[in-house]
Amino acid sequence: MKITLVYLACCIAVGIAAPERGLFLNLSEGELCIGSFQCKSRCCHRDTGLSLARCASKGPEGNECSDHLLYNVYYKCPCEGGLKCEGDKSMIGSIMNTNFGICKDPNSIAKVIKPNRKP
């Protein structure tokens, strides 16, 4: 038991001592992860429920995205800074984890103005 605790303490110390690239935190793109908090990009991504999760970059404009994460892992990474994940959201989609959208720049979205019609 003491040997296990000493080993665990050493692993944590090594992970903390290497801030540019840790063993558990600050992981690069493509490295295995168990949660988004571990990745530099803050996106731990998996393709399916049975696939291994890996760190991935955030979505550029036009990519599929998700604002919701299940168990701290995304099926679609959130958008890069300054972009917004636009899409239909539903209660069933939240339960089934299918509330995906498209990364869009909120400053370039053309808003449709409905003309005032007088009877």
PDB file of N, CA and C in Angstrom:
ATOM      1  N   MET A   1       0.828  -1.193   0.000  1.00  0.00           N
ATOM      2  CA  MET A   1       0.000   0.000   0.000  1.00  0.00           C
ATOM      3  C   MET A   1       0.874   1.258   0.000  1.00  0.00           C
ATOM      4  N   LYS A   2       1.928   1.262   0.806  1.00  0.00           N
ATOM      5  CA  LYS A   2       2.812   2.429   0.869  1.00  0.00           C
ATOM      6  C   LYS A   2       3.539   2.627  -0.456  1.00  0.00           C
ATOM      7  N   ILE A   3       3.921   1.517  -1.085  1.00  0.00           N
ATOM      8  CA  ILE A   3       4.627   1.610  -2.364  1.00  0.00           C
ATOM      9  C   ILE A   3       3.715   2.213  -3.422  1.00  0.00           C
ATOM     10  N   THR A   4       2.452   1.844  -3.420  1.00  0.00           N
ATOM     11  CA  THR A   4       1.483   2.389  -4.378  1.00  0.00           C
ATOM     12  C   THR A   4       1.304   3.886  -4.169  1.00  0.00           C
ATOM     13  N   LEU A   5       1.207   4.321  -2.934  1.00  0.00           N
ATOM     14  CA  LEU A   5       1.043   5.750  -2.643  1.00  0.00           C
ATOM     15  C   LEU A   5       2.277   6.546  -3.051  1.00  0.00           C
ATOM     16  N   VAL A   6       3.463   6.000  -2.800  1.00  0.00           N
ATOM     17  CA  VAL A   6       4.698   6.677  -3.196  1.00  0.00           C
ATOM     18  C   VAL A   6       4.773   6.771  -4.717  1.00  0.00           C
ATOM     19  N   TYR A   7       4.426   5.682  -5.419  1.00  0.00           N
ATOM     20  CA  TYR A   7       4.433   5.681  -6.876  1.00  0.00           C
ATOM     21  C   TYR A   7       3.455   6.723  -7.429  1.00  0.00           C
ATOM     22  N   LEU A   8       2.259   6.763  -6.868  1.00  0.00           N
ATOM     23  CA  LEU A   8       1.254   7.729  -7.309  1.00  0.00           C
ATOM     24  C   LEU A   8       1.733   9.156  -7.064  1.00  0.00           C
ATOM     25  N   ALA A   9       2.334   9.414  -5.925  1.00  0.00           N
ATOM     26  CA  ALA A   9       2.853  10.749  -5.612  1.00  0.00           C
ATOM     27  C   ALA A   9       3.950  11.148  -6.586  1.00  0.00           C
ATOM     28  N   CYS A  10       4.822  10.200  -6.946  1.00  0.00           N
ATOM     29  CA  CYS A  10       5.896  10.483  -7.911  1.00  0.00           C
ATOM     30  C   CYS A  10       5.321  10.811  -9.287  1.00  0.00           C
ATOM     31  N   CYS A  11       4.306  10.066  -9.712  1.00  0.00           N
ATOM     32  CA  CYS A  11       3.671  10.330 -11.010  1.00  0.00           C
ATOM     33  C   CYS A  11       3.033  11.712 -11.048  1.00  0.00           C
ATOM     34  N   ILE A  12       2.373  12.084  -9.994  1.00  0.00           N
ATOM     35  CA  ILE A  12       1.741  13.409  -9.925  1.00  0.00           C
ATOM     36  C   ILE A  12       2.806  14.496  -9.938  1.00  0.00           C
ATOM     37  N   ALA A  13       3.896  14.292  -9.191  1.00  0.00           N
ATOM     38  CA  ALA A  13       4.977  15.281  -9.141  1.00  0.00           C
ATOM     39  C   ALA A  13       5.605  15.469 -10.518  1.00  0.00           C
ATOM     40  N   VAL A  14       5.822  14.396 -11.258  1.00  0.00           N
ATOM     41  CA  VAL A  14       6.391  14.492 -12.603  1.00  0.00           C
ATOM     42  C   VAL A  14       5.423  15.214 -13.534  1.00  0.00           C
ATOM     43  N   GLY A  15       4.139  14.935 -13.404  1.00  0.00           N
ATOM     44  CA  GLY A  15       3.141  15.591 -14.238  1.00  0.00           C
ATOM     45  C   GLY A  15       3.053  17.080 -13.988  1.00  0.00           C
ATOM     46  N   ILE A  16       3.209  17.482 -12.750  1.00  0.00           N
ATOM     47  CA  ILE A  16       3.148  18.898 -12.397  1.00  0.00           C
ATOM     48  C   ILE A  16       4.458  19.599 -12.743  1.00  0.00           C
ATOM     49  N   ALA A  17       5.573  18.900 -12.640  1.00  0.00           N
ATOM     50  CA  ALA A  17       6.884  19.506 -12.861  1.00  0.00           C
ATOM     51  C   ALA A  17       7.146  19.844 -14.320  1.00  0.00           C
ATOM     52  N   ALA A  18       6.435  19.247 -15.245  1.00  0.00           N
ATOM     53  CA  ALA A  18       6.650  19.504 -16.668  1.00  0.00           C
ATOM     54  C   ALA A  18       5.476  20.291 -17.229  1.00  0.00           C
ATOM     55  N   PRO A  19       5.435  21.622 -16.993  1.00  0.00           N
ATOM     56  CA  PRO A  19       4.276  22.410 -17.413  1.00  0.00           C
ATOM     57  C   PRO A  19       4.109  22.537 -18.926  1.00  0.00           C
ATOM     58  N   GLU A  20       5.207  22.456 -19.694  1.00  0.00           N
ATOM     59  CA  GLU A  20       5.055  22.589 -21.140  1.00  0.00           C
ATOM     60  C   GLU A  20       4.404  21.370 -21.758  1.00  0.00           C
ATOM     61  N   ARG A  21       4.567  20.221 -21.130  1.00  0.00           N
ATOM     62  CA  ARG A  21       3.900  19.013 -21.597  1.00  0.00           C
ATOM     63  C   ARG A  21       3.835  18.043 -20.428  1.00  0.00           C
ATOM     64  N   GLY A  22       2.687  17.926 -19.819  1.00  0.00           N
ATOM     65  CA  GLY A  22       2.542  17.061 -18.667  1.00  0.00           C
ATOM     66  C   GLY A  22       2.153  15.650 -19.054  1.00  0.00           C
ATOM     67  N   LEU A  23       2.150  14.782 -18.062  1.00  0.00           N
ATOM     68  CA  LEU A  23       1.727  13.407 -18.290  1.00  0.00           C
ATOM     69  C   LEU A  23       0.214  13.292 -18.244  1.00  0.00           C
ATOM     70  N   PHE A  24      -0.418  14.159 -17.459  1.00  0.00           N
ATOM     71  CA  PHE A  24      -1.864  14.076 -17.264  1.00  0.00           C
ATOM     72  C   PHE A  24      -2.586  15.320 -17.766  1.00  0.00           C
ATOM     73  N   LEU A  25      -1.901  16.438 -17.789  1.00  0.00           N
ATOM     74  CA  LEU A  25      -2.517  17.709 -18.181  1.00  0.00           C
ATOM     75  C   LEU A  25      -1.723  18.324 -19.327  1.00  0.00           C
ATOM     76  N   ASN A  26      -2.332  19.272 -20.008  1.00  0.00           N
ATOM     77  CA  ASN A  26      -1.669  20.017 -21.078  1.00  0.00           C
ATOM     78  C   ASN A  26      -1.283  19.102 -22.239  1.00  0.00           C
ATOM     79  N   LEU A  27      -2.179  18.178 -22.574  1.00  0.00           N
ATOM     80  CA  LEU A  27      -1.910  17.201 -23.628  1.00  0.00           C
ATOM     81  C   LEU A  27      -2.084  17.825 -25.012  1.00  0.00           C
ATOM     82  N   SER A  28      -1.290  17.370 -25.961  1.00  0.00           N
ATOM     83  CA  SER A  28      -1.341  17.878 -27.332  1.00  0.00           C
ATOM     84  C   SER A  28      -2.423  17.163 -28.137  1.00  0.00           C
ATOM     85  N   GLU A  29      -2.694  17.715 -29.307  1.00  0.00           N
ATOM     86  CA  GLU A  29      -3.696  17.144 -30.204  1.00  0.00           C
ATOM     87  C   GLU A  29      -3.318  15.714 -30.593  1.00  0.00           C
ATOM     88  N   GLY A  30      -4.290  14.796 -30.507  1.00  0.00           N
ATOM     89  CA  GLY A  30      -4.078  13.409 -30.881  1.00  0.00           C
ATOM     90  C   GLY A  30      -3.737  12.489 -29.725  1.00  0.00           C
ATOM     91  N   GLU A  31      -3.424  13.053 -28.558  1.00  0.00           N
ATOM     92  CA  GLU A  31      -3.083  12.223 -27.406  1.00  0.00           C
ATOM     93  C   GLU A  31      -4.345  11.747 -26.699  1.00  0.00           C
ATOM     94  N   LEU A  32      -4.282  10.543 -26.141  1.00  0.00           N
ATOM     95  CA  LEU A  32      -5.424   9.977 -25.425  1.00  0.00           C
ATOM     96  C   LEU A  32      -5.760  10.817 -24.204  1.00  0.00           C
ATOM     97  N   CYS A  33      -7.059  10.975 -23.932  1.00  0.00           N
ATOM     98  CA  CYS A  33      -7.506  11.766 -22.789  1.00  0.00           C
ATOM     99  C   CYS A  33      -8.762  11.129 -22.189  1.00  0.00           C
ATOM    100  N   ILE A  34      -9.056  11.512 -20.963  1.00  0.00           N
ATOM    101  CA  ILE A  34     -10.296  11.059 -20.338  1.00  0.00           C
ATOM    102  C   ILE A  34     -11.240  12.226 -20.067  1.00  0.00           C
ATOM    103  N   GLY A  35     -10.759  13.445 -20.237  1.00  0.00           N
ATOM    104  CA  GLY A  35     -11.590  14.617 -20.019  1.00  0.00           C
ATOM    105  C   GLY A  35     -11.005  15.841 -20.707  1.00  0.00           C
ATOM    106  N   SER A  36     -11.848  16.792 -21.043  1.00  0.00           N
ATOM    107  CA  SER A  36     -11.417  17.982 -21.764  1.00  0.00           C
ATOM    108  C   SER A  36     -10.459  18.846 -20.965  1.00  0.00           C
ATOM    109  N   PHE A  37     -10.490  18.752 -19.652  1.00  0.00           N
ATOM    110  CA  PHE A  37      -9.605  19.543 -18.807  1.00  0.00           C
ATOM    111  C   PHE A  37      -8.140  19.174 -19.027  1.00  0.00           C
ATOM    112  N   GLN A  38      -7.860  18.011 -19.592  1.00  0.00           N
ATOM    113  CA  GLN A  38      -6.492  17.559 -19.809  1.00  0.00           C
ATOM    114  C   GLN A  38      -5.847  18.155 -21.060  1.00  0.00           C
ATOM    115  N   CYS A  39      -6.634  18.570 -22.019  1.00  0.00           N
ATOM    116  CA  CYS A  39      -6.131  18.986 -23.324  1.00  0.00           C
ATOM    117  C   CYS A  39      -5.789  20.471 -23.359  1.00  0.00           C
ATOM    118  N   LYS A  40      -4.752  20.813 -24.135  1.00  0.00           N
ATOM    119  CA  LYS A  40      -4.403  22.219 -24.347  1.00  0.00           C
ATOM    120  C   LYS A  40      -5.577  22.968 -24.970  1.00  0.00           C
ATOM    121  N   SER A  41      -6.256  22.315 -25.905  1.00  0.00           N
ATOM    122  CA  SER A  41      -7.367  22.938 -26.626  1.00  0.00           C
ATOM    123  C   SER A  41      -8.667  22.934 -25.826  1.00  0.00           C
ATOM    124  N   ARG A  42      -8.691  22.221 -24.721  1.00  0.00           N
ATOM    125  CA  ARG A  42      -9.884  22.046 -23.881  1.00  0.00           C
ATOM    126  C   ARG A  42     -10.985  21.287 -24.620  1.00  0.00           C
ATOM    127  N   CYS A  43     -10.577  20.370 -25.523  1.00  0.00           N
ATOM    128  CA  CYS A  43     -11.541  19.523 -26.220  1.00  0.00           C
ATOM    129  C   CYS A  43     -11.027  18.096 -26.286  1.00  0.00           C
ATOM    130  N   CYS A  44     -11.625  17.225 -25.482  1.00  0.00           N
ATOM    131  CA  CYS A  44     -11.362  15.792 -25.539  1.00  0.00           C
ATOM    132  C   CYS A  44     -12.496  15.214 -26.377  1.00  0.00           C
ATOM    133  N   HIS A  45     -12.165  14.612 -27.521  1.00  0.00           N
ATOM    134  CA  HIS A  45     -13.150  14.260 -28.550  1.00  0.00           C
ATOM    135  C   HIS A  45     -13.144  12.759 -28.823  1.00  0.00           C
ATOM    136  N   ARG A  46     -14.331  12.206 -29.036  1.00  0.00           N
ATOM    137  CA  ARG A  46     -14.454  10.814 -29.487  1.00  0.00           C
ATOM    138  C   ARG A  46     -15.468  10.766 -30.618  1.00  0.00           C
ATOM    139  N   ASP A  47     -15.249   9.838 -31.556  1.00  0.00           N
ATOM    140  CA  ASP A  47     -16.146   9.714 -32.709  1.00  0.00           C
ATOM    141  C   ASP A  47     -17.431   8.985 -32.357  1.00  0.00           C
ATOM    142  N   THR A  48     -17.320   7.889 -31.606  1.00  0.00           N
ATOM    143  CA  THR A  48     -18.480   7.090 -31.214  1.00  0.00           C
ATOM    144  C   THR A  48     -18.380   6.771 -29.733  1.00  0.00           C
ATOM    145  N   GLY A  49     -19.417   6.192 -29.196  1.00  0.00           N
ATOM    146  CA  GLY A  49     -19.420   5.832 -27.784  1.00  0.00           C
ATOM    147  C   GLY A  49     -18.419   4.754 -27.429  1.00  0.00           C
ATOM    148  N   LEU A  50     -17.957   4.002 -28.418  1.00  0.00           N
ATOM    149  CA  LEU A  50     -17.011   2.914 -28.162  1.00  0.00           C
ATOM    150  C   LEU A  50     -15.574   3.260 -28.540  1.00  0.00           C
ATOM    151  N   SER A  51     -15.350   4.432 -29.144  1.00  0.00           N
ATOM    152  CA  SER A  51     -13.995   4.795 -29.558  1.00  0.00           C
ATOM    153  C   SER A  51     -13.227   5.444 -28.413  1.00  0.00           C
ATOM    154  N   LEU A  52     -11.902   5.450 -28.535  1.00  0.00           N
ATOM    155  CA  LEU A  52     -11.054   6.101 -27.542  1.00  0.00           C
ATOM    156  C   LEU A  52     -11.100   7.607 -27.748  1.00  0.00           C
ATOM    157  N   ALA A  53     -11.091   8.345 -26.657  1.00  0.00           N
ATOM    158  CA  ALA A  53     -11.125   9.801 -26.737  1.00  0.00           C
ATOM    159  C   ALA A  53      -9.706  10.347 -26.888  1.00  0.00           C
ATOM    160  N   ARG A  54      -9.564  11.348 -27.756  1.00  0.00           N
ATOM    161  CA  ARG A  54      -8.270  11.984 -27.992  1.00  0.00           C
ATOM    162  C   ARG A  54      -8.448  13.500 -28.005  1.00  0.00           C
ATOM    163  N   CYS A  55      -7.391  14.206 -27.643  1.00  0.00           N
ATOM    164  CA  CYS A  55      -7.429  15.665 -27.695  1.00  0.00           C
ATOM    165  C   CYS A  55      -7.552  16.110 -29.145  1.00  0.00           C
ATOM    166  N   ALA A  56      -8.382  17.111 -29.391  1.00  0.00           N
ATOM    167  CA  ALA A  56      -8.599  17.625 -30.746  1.00  0.00           C
ATOM    168  C   ALA A  56      -8.685  19.144 -30.700  1.00  0.00           C
ATOM    169  N   SER A  57      -8.457  19.773 -31.844  1.00  0.00           N
ATOM    170  CA  SER A  57      -8.543  21.235 -31.913  1.00  0.00           C
ATOM    171  C   SER A  57     -10.001  21.663 -31.972  1.00  0.00           C
ATOM    172  N   LYS A  58     -10.242  22.895 -31.571  1.00  0.00           N
ATOM    173  CA  LYS A  58     -11.601  23.431 -31.641  1.00  0.00           C
ATOM    174  C   LYS A  58     -11.971  23.691 -33.094  1.00  0.00           C
ATOM    175  N   GLY A  59     -13.280  23.717 -33.360  1.00  0.00           N
ATOM    176  CA  GLY A  59     -13.770  23.792 -34.731  1.00  0.00           C
ATOM    177  C   GLY A  59     -13.643  25.154 -35.370  1.00  0.00           C
ATOM    178  N   PRO A  60     -13.119  25.200 -36.610  1.00  0.00           N
ATOM    179  CA  PRO A  60     -13.102  26.454 -37.360  1.00  0.00           C
ATOM    180  C   PRO A  60     -14.480  26.745 -37.949  1.00  0.00           C
ATOM    181  N   GLU A  61     -14.619  27.877 -38.582  1.00  0.00           N
ATOM    182  CA  GLU A  61     -15.896  28.279 -39.169  1.00  0.00           C
ATOM    183  C   GLU A  61     -16.336  27.260 -40.212  1.00  0.00           C
ATOM    184  N   GLY A  62     -17.589  26.829 -40.122  1.00  0.00           N
ATOM    185  CA  GLY A  62     -18.152  25.870 -41.065  1.00  0.00           C
ATOM    186  C   GLY A  62     -18.133  24.431 -40.572  1.00  0.00           C
ATOM    187  N   ASN A  63     -17.404  24.130 -39.501  1.00  0.00           N
ATOM    188  CA  ASN A  63     -17.362  22.768 -38.956  1.00  0.00           C
ATOM    189  C   ASN A  63     -18.546  22.496 -38.045  1.00  0.00           C
ATOM    190  N   GLU A  64     -18.883  21.200 -37.903  1.00  0.00           N
ATOM    191  CA  GLU A  64     -19.906  20.820 -36.938  1.00  0.00           C
ATOM    192  C   GLU A  64     -19.365  21.055 -35.535  1.00  0.00           C
ATOM    193  N   CYS A  65     -20.262  21.398 -34.610  1.00  0.00           N
ATOM    194  CA  CYS A  65     -19.838  21.716 -33.252  1.00  0.00           C
ATOM    195  C   CYS A  65     -20.908  21.302 -32.253  1.00  0.00           C
ATOM    196  N   SER A  66     -20.525  21.339 -31.008  1.00  0.00           N
ATOM    197  CA  SER A  66     -21.450  21.052 -29.915  1.00  0.00           C
ATOM    198  C   SER A  66     -21.050  21.890 -28.713  1.00  0.00           C
ATOM    199  N   ASP A  67     -22.024  22.419 -28.026  1.00  0.00           N
ATOM    200  CA  ASP A  67     -21.760  23.146 -26.789  1.00  0.00           C
ATOM    201  C   ASP A  67     -21.903  22.224 -25.593  1.00  0.00           C
ATOM    202  N   HIS A  68     -22.463  21.051 -25.821  1.00  0.00           N
ATOM    203  CA  HIS A  68     -22.766  20.112 -24.745  1.00  0.00           C
ATOM    204  C   HIS A  68     -21.737  18.991 -24.745  1.00  0.00           C
ATOM    205  N   LEU A  69     -21.250  18.644 -23.572  1.00  0.00           N
ATOM    206  CA  LEU A  69     -20.341  17.519 -23.495  1.00  0.00           C
ATOM    207  C   LEU A  69     -20.885  16.484 -22.528  1.00  0.00           C
ATOM    208  N   LEU A  70     -20.655  15.231 -22.856  1.00  0.00           N
ATOM    209  CA  LEU A  70     -21.131  14.112 -22.067  1.00  0.00           C
ATOM    210  C   LEU A  70     -19.939  13.491 -21.349  1.00  0.00           C
ATOM    211  N   TYR A  71     -19.990  13.450 -20.043  1.00  0.00           N
ATOM    212  CA  TYR A  71     -18.897  12.889 -19.241  1.00  0.00           C
ATOM    213  C   TYR A  71     -17.574  13.576 -19.531  1.00  0.00           C
ATOM    214  N   ASN A  72     -17.613  14.890 -19.744  1.00  0.00           N
ATOM    215  CA  ASN A  72     -16.426  15.719 -19.982  1.00  0.00           C
ATOM    216  C   ASN A  72     -15.711  15.360 -21.287  1.00  0.00           C
ATOM    217  N   VAL A  73     -16.431  14.739 -22.227  1.00  0.00           N
ATOM    218  CA  VAL A  73     -15.888  14.386 -23.535  1.00  0.00           C
ATOM    219  C   VAL A  73     -16.889  14.839 -24.601  1.00  0.00           C
ATOM    220  N   TYR A  74     -16.394  15.459 -25.664  1.00  0.00           N
ATOM    221  CA  TYR A  74     -17.246  15.945 -26.752  1.00  0.00           C
ATOM    222  C   TYR A  74     -17.344  14.921 -27.879  1.00  0.00           C
ATOM    223  N   TYR A  75     -18.491  14.896 -28.558  1.00  0.00           N
ATOM    224  CA  TYR A  75     -18.607  14.163 -29.817  1.00  0.00           C
ATOM    225  C   TYR A  75     -18.277  15.098 -30.976  1.00  0.00           C
ATOM    226  N   LYS A  76     -18.496  16.372 -30.807  1.00  0.00           N
ATOM    227  CA  LYS A  76     -18.082  17.417 -31.750  1.00  0.00           C
ATOM    228  C   LYS A  76     -17.490  18.531 -30.905  1.00  0.00           C
ATOM    229  N   CYS A  77     -16.276  18.956 -31.217  1.00  0.00           N
ATOM    230  CA  CYS A  77     -15.600  19.984 -30.422  1.00  0.00           C
ATOM    231  C   CYS A  77     -16.326  21.327 -30.544  1.00  0.00           C
ATOM    232  N   PRO A  78     -16.226  22.158 -29.512  1.00  0.00           N
ATOM    233  CA  PRO A  78     -16.815  23.501 -29.609  1.00  0.00           C
ATOM    234  C   PRO A  78     -16.031  24.353 -30.607  1.00  0.00           C
ATOM    235  N   CYS A  79     -16.545  25.519 -30.889  1.00  0.00           N
ATOM    236  CA  CYS A  79     -15.945  26.409 -31.888  1.00  0.00           C
ATOM    237  C   CYS A  79     -14.722  27.136 -31.339  1.00  0.00           C
ATOM    238  N   GLU A  80     -13.887  27.586 -32.276  1.00  0.00           N
ATOM    239  CA  GLU A  80     -12.741  28.417 -31.928  1.00  0.00           C
ATOM    240  C   GLU A  80     -13.243  29.725 -31.324  1.00  0.00           C
ATOM    241  N   GLY A  81     -12.347  30.444 -30.679  1.00  0.00           N
ATOM    242  CA  GLY A  81     -12.702  31.720 -30.059  1.00  0.00           C
ATOM    243  C   GLY A  81     -13.311  32.701 -31.049  1.00  0.00           C
ATOM    244  N   GLY A  82     -14.357  33.363 -30.658  1.00  0.00           N
ATOM    245  CA  GLY A  82     -15.030  34.339 -31.504  1.00  0.00           C
ATOM    246  C   GLY A  82     -16.141  33.763 -32.366  1.00  0.00           C
ATOM    247  N   LEU A  83     -16.210  32.447 -32.488  1.00  0.00           N
ATOM    248  CA  LEU A  83     -17.266  31.805 -33.272  1.00  0.00           C
ATOM    249  C   LEU A  83     -18.355  31.294 -32.347  1.00  0.00           C
ATOM    250  N   LYS A  84     -19.539  31.110 -32.911  1.00  0.00           N
ATOM    251  CA  LYS A  84     -20.689  30.650 -32.139  1.00  0.00           C
ATOM    252  C   LYS A  84     -21.249  29.384 -32.775  1.00  0.00           C
ATOM    253  N   CYS A  85     -21.662  28.436 -31.950  1.00  0.00           N
ATOM    254  CA  CYS A  85     -22.242  27.184 -32.434  1.00  0.00           C
ATOM    255  C   CYS A  85     -23.736  27.415 -32.666  1.00  0.00           C
ATOM    256  N   GLU A  86     -24.113  27.544 -33.936  1.00  0.00           N
ATOM    257  CA  GLU A  86     -25.504  27.830 -34.296  1.00  0.00           C
ATOM    258  C   GLU A  86     -26.188  26.546 -34.758  1.00  0.00           C
ATOM    259  N   GLY A  87     -27.342  26.247 -34.181  1.00  0.00           N
ATOM    260  CA  GLY A  87     -28.086  25.065 -34.606  1.00  0.00           C
ATOM    261  C   GLY A  87     -29.328  24.887 -33.773  1.00  0.00           C
ATOM    262  N   ASP A  88     -30.170  23.963 -34.198  1.00  0.00           N
ATOM    263  CA  ASP A  88     -31.394  23.666 -33.463  1.00  0.00           C
ATOM    264  C   ASP A  88     -31.059  22.846 -32.228  1.00  0.00           C
ATOM    265  N   LYS A  89     -31.625  23.239 -31.124  1.00  0.00           N
ATOM    266  CA  LYS A  89     -31.419  22.511 -29.873  1.00  0.00           C
ATOM    267  C   LYS A  89     -32.775  21.973 -29.420  1.00  0.00           C
ATOM    268  N   SER A  90     -32.775  20.741 -28.919  1.00  0.00           N
ATOM    269  CA  SER A  90     -34.013  20.152 -28.434  1.00  0.00           C
ATOM    270  C   SER A  90     -33.747  19.336 -27.179  1.00  0.00           C
ATOM    271  N   MET A  91     -34.777  19.038 -26.429  1.00  0.00           N
ATOM    272  CA  MET A  91     -34.646  18.229 -25.225  1.00  0.00           C
ATOM    273  C   MET A  91     -34.220  16.811 -25.593  1.00  0.00           C
ATOM    274  N   ILE A  92     -34.816  16.250 -26.637  1.00  0.00           N
ATOM    275  CA  ILE A  92     -34.454  14.902 -27.076  1.00  0.00           C
ATOM    276  C   ILE A  92     -33.001  14.878 -27.550  1.00  0.00           C
ATOM    277  N   GLY A  93     -32.587  15.916 -28.252  1.00  0.00           N
ATOM    278  CA  GLY A  93     -31.204  16.010 -28.708  1.00  0.00           C
ATOM    279  C   GLY A  93     -30.227  16.062 -27.551  1.00  0.00           C
ATOM    280  N   SER A  94     -30.615  16.715 -26.459  1.00  0.00           N
ATOM    281  CA  SER A  94     -29.761  16.760 -25.272  1.00  0.00           C
ATOM    282  C   SER A  94     -29.624  15.381 -24.655  1.00  0.00           C
ATOM    283  N   ILE A  95     -30.716  14.649 -24.608  1.00  0.00           N
ATOM    284  CA  ILE A  95     -30.692  13.303 -24.033  1.00  0.00           C
ATOM    285  C   ILE A  95     -29.897  12.350 -24.924  1.00  0.00           C
ATOM    286  N   MET A  96     -30.106  12.434 -26.234  1.00  0.00           N
ATOM    287  CA  MET A  96     -29.454  11.524 -27.183  1.00  0.00           C
ATOM    288  C   MET A  96     -28.071  12.018 -27.623  1.00  0.00           C
ATOM    289  N   ASN A  97     -27.679  13.204 -27.149  1.00  0.00           N
ATOM    290  CA  ASN A  97     -26.400  13.828 -27.500  1.00  0.00           C
ATOM    291  C   ASN A  97     -26.265  14.023 -29.008  1.00  0.00           C
ATOM    292  N   THR A  98     -27.306  14.600 -29.605  1.00  0.00           N
ATOM    293  CA  THR A  98     -27.287  14.892 -31.040  1.00  0.00           C
ATOM    294  C   THR A  98     -27.534  16.369 -31.322  1.00  0.00           C
ATOM    295  N   ASN A  99     -27.392  17.219 -30.318  1.00  0.00           N
ATOM    296  CA  ASN A  99     -27.571  18.656 -30.506  1.00  0.00           C
ATOM    297  C   ASN A  99     -26.300  19.261 -31.100  1.00  0.00           C
ATOM    298  N   PHE A 100     -26.100  19.056 -32.398  1.00  0.00           N
ATOM    299  CA  PHE A 100     -24.926  19.591 -33.060  1.00  0.00           C
ATOM    300  C   PHE A 100     -25.323  20.804 -33.877  1.00  0.00           C
ATOM    301  N   GLY A 101     -24.384  21.683 -34.086  1.00  0.00           N
ATOM    302  CA  GLY A 101     -24.616  22.873 -34.884  1.00  0.00           C
ATOM    303  C   GLY A 101     -23.449  23.084 -35.838  1.00  0.00           C
ATOM    304  N   ILE A 102     -23.359  24.296 -36.381  1.00  0.00           N
ATOM    305  CA  ILE A 102     -22.283  24.686 -37.287  1.00  0.00           C
ATOM    306  C   ILE A 102     -21.614  25.926 -36.708  1.00  0.00           C
ATOM    307  N   CYS A 103     -20.278  25.953 -36.718  1.00  0.00           N
ATOM    308  CA  CYS A 103     -19.529  27.119 -36.226  1.00  0.00           C
ATOM    309  C   CYS A 103     -19.722  28.282 -37.194  1.00  0.00           C
ATOM    310  N   LYS A 104     -20.198  29.400 -36.659  1.00  0.00           N
ATOM    311  CA  LYS A 104     -20.428  30.586 -37.482  1.00  0.00           C
ATOM    312  C   LYS A 104     -19.903  31.813 -36.766  1.00  0.00           C
ATOM    313  N   ASP A 105     -19.497  32.790 -37.558  1.00  0.00           N
ATOM    314  CA  ASP A 105     -19.052  34.066 -37.011  1.00  0.00           C
ATOM    315  C   ASP A 105     -20.288  34.910 -36.725  1.00  0.00           C
ATOM    316  N   PRO A 106     -20.539  35.263 -35.471  1.00  0.00           N
ATOM    317  CA  PRO A 106     -21.754  36.026 -35.160  1.00  0.00           C
ATOM    318  C   PRO A 106     -21.762  37.423 -35.768  1.00  0.00           C
ATOM    319  N   ASN A 107     -20.606  37.961 -36.126  1.00  0.00           N
ATOM    320  CA  ASN A 107     -20.548  39.298 -36.726  1.00  0.00           C
ATOM    321  C   ASN A 107     -20.885  39.296 -38.208  1.00  0.00           C
ATOM    322  N   SER A 108     -20.782  38.137 -38.866  1.00  0.00           N
ATOM    323  CA  SER A 108     -21.046  38.097 -40.303  1.00  0.00           C
ATOM    324  C   SER A 108     -22.378  37.450 -40.650  1.00  0.00           C
ATOM    325  N   ILE A 109     -23.145  37.082 -39.648  1.00  0.00           N
ATOM    326  CA  ILE A 109     -24.442  36.464 -39.912  1.00  0.00           C
ATOM    327  C   ILE A 109     -25.419  37.540 -40.355  1.00  0.00           C
ATOM    328  N   ALA A 110     -25.968  37.359 -41.542  1.00  0.00           N
ATOM    329  CA  ALA A 110     -26.950  38.309 -42.058  1.00  0.00           C
ATOM    330  C   ALA A 110     -28.297  38.013 -41.421  1.00  0.00           C
ATOM    331  N   LYS A 111     -28.849  39.015 -40.785  1.00  0.00           N
ATOM    332  CA  LYS A 111     -30.159  38.847 -40.153  1.00  0.00           C
ATOM    333  C   LYS A 111     -31.244  39.260 -41.144  1.00  0.00           C
ATOM    334  N   VAL A 112     -32.187  38.407 -41.294  1.00  0.00           N
ATOM    335  CA  VAL A 112     -33.289  38.674 -42.205  1.00  0.00           C
ATOM    336  C   VAL A 112     -34.293  39.574 -41.504  1.00  0.00           C
ATOM    337  N   ILE A 113     -34.569  40.697 -42.109  1.00  0.00           N
ATOM    338  CA  ILE A 113     -35.524  41.653 -41.542  1.00  0.00           C
ATOM    339  C   ILE A 113     -36.828  41.504 -42.309  1.00  0.00           C
ATOM    340  N   LYS A 114     -37.867  41.206 -41.559  1.00  0.00           N
ATOM    341  CA  LYS A 114     -39.182  41.048 -42.188  1.00  0.00           C
ATOM    342  C   LYS A 114     -39.777  42.428 -42.449  1.00  0.00           C
ATOM    343  N   PRO A 115     -40.240  42.660 -43.668  1.00  0.00           N
ATOM    344  CA  PRO A 115     -40.827  43.962 -43.976  1.00  0.00           C
ATOM    345  C   PRO A 115     -42.168  44.126 -43.263  1.00  0.00           C
ATOM    346  N   ASN A 116     -42.442  45.355 -42.883  1.00  0.00           N
ATOM    347  CA  ASN A 116     -43.739  45.662 -42.253  1.00  0.00           C
ATOM    348  C   ASN A 116     -44.796  45.749 -43.351  1.00  0.00           C
ATOM    349  N   ARG A 117     -45.806  44.917 -43.205  1.00  0.00           N
ATOM    350  CA  ARG A 117     -46.889  44.921 -44.190  1.00  0.00           C
ATOM    351  C   ARG A 117     -48.118  45.567 -43.558  1.00  0.00           C
ATOM    352  N   LYS A 118     -48.670  46.490 -44.273  1.00  0.00           N
ATOM    353  CA  LYS A 118     -49.873  47.146 -43.802  1.00  0.00           C
ATOM    354  C   LYS A 118     -51.050  46.576 -44.571  1.00  0.00           C
ATOM    355  N   PRO A 119     -52.111  46.205 -43.855  1.00  0.00           N
ATOM    356  CA  PRO A 119     -53.277  45.642 -44.556  1.00  0.00           C
ATOM    357  C   PRO A 119     -54.043  46.649 -45.346  1.00  0.00           C
TER     358      PRO A 119
END
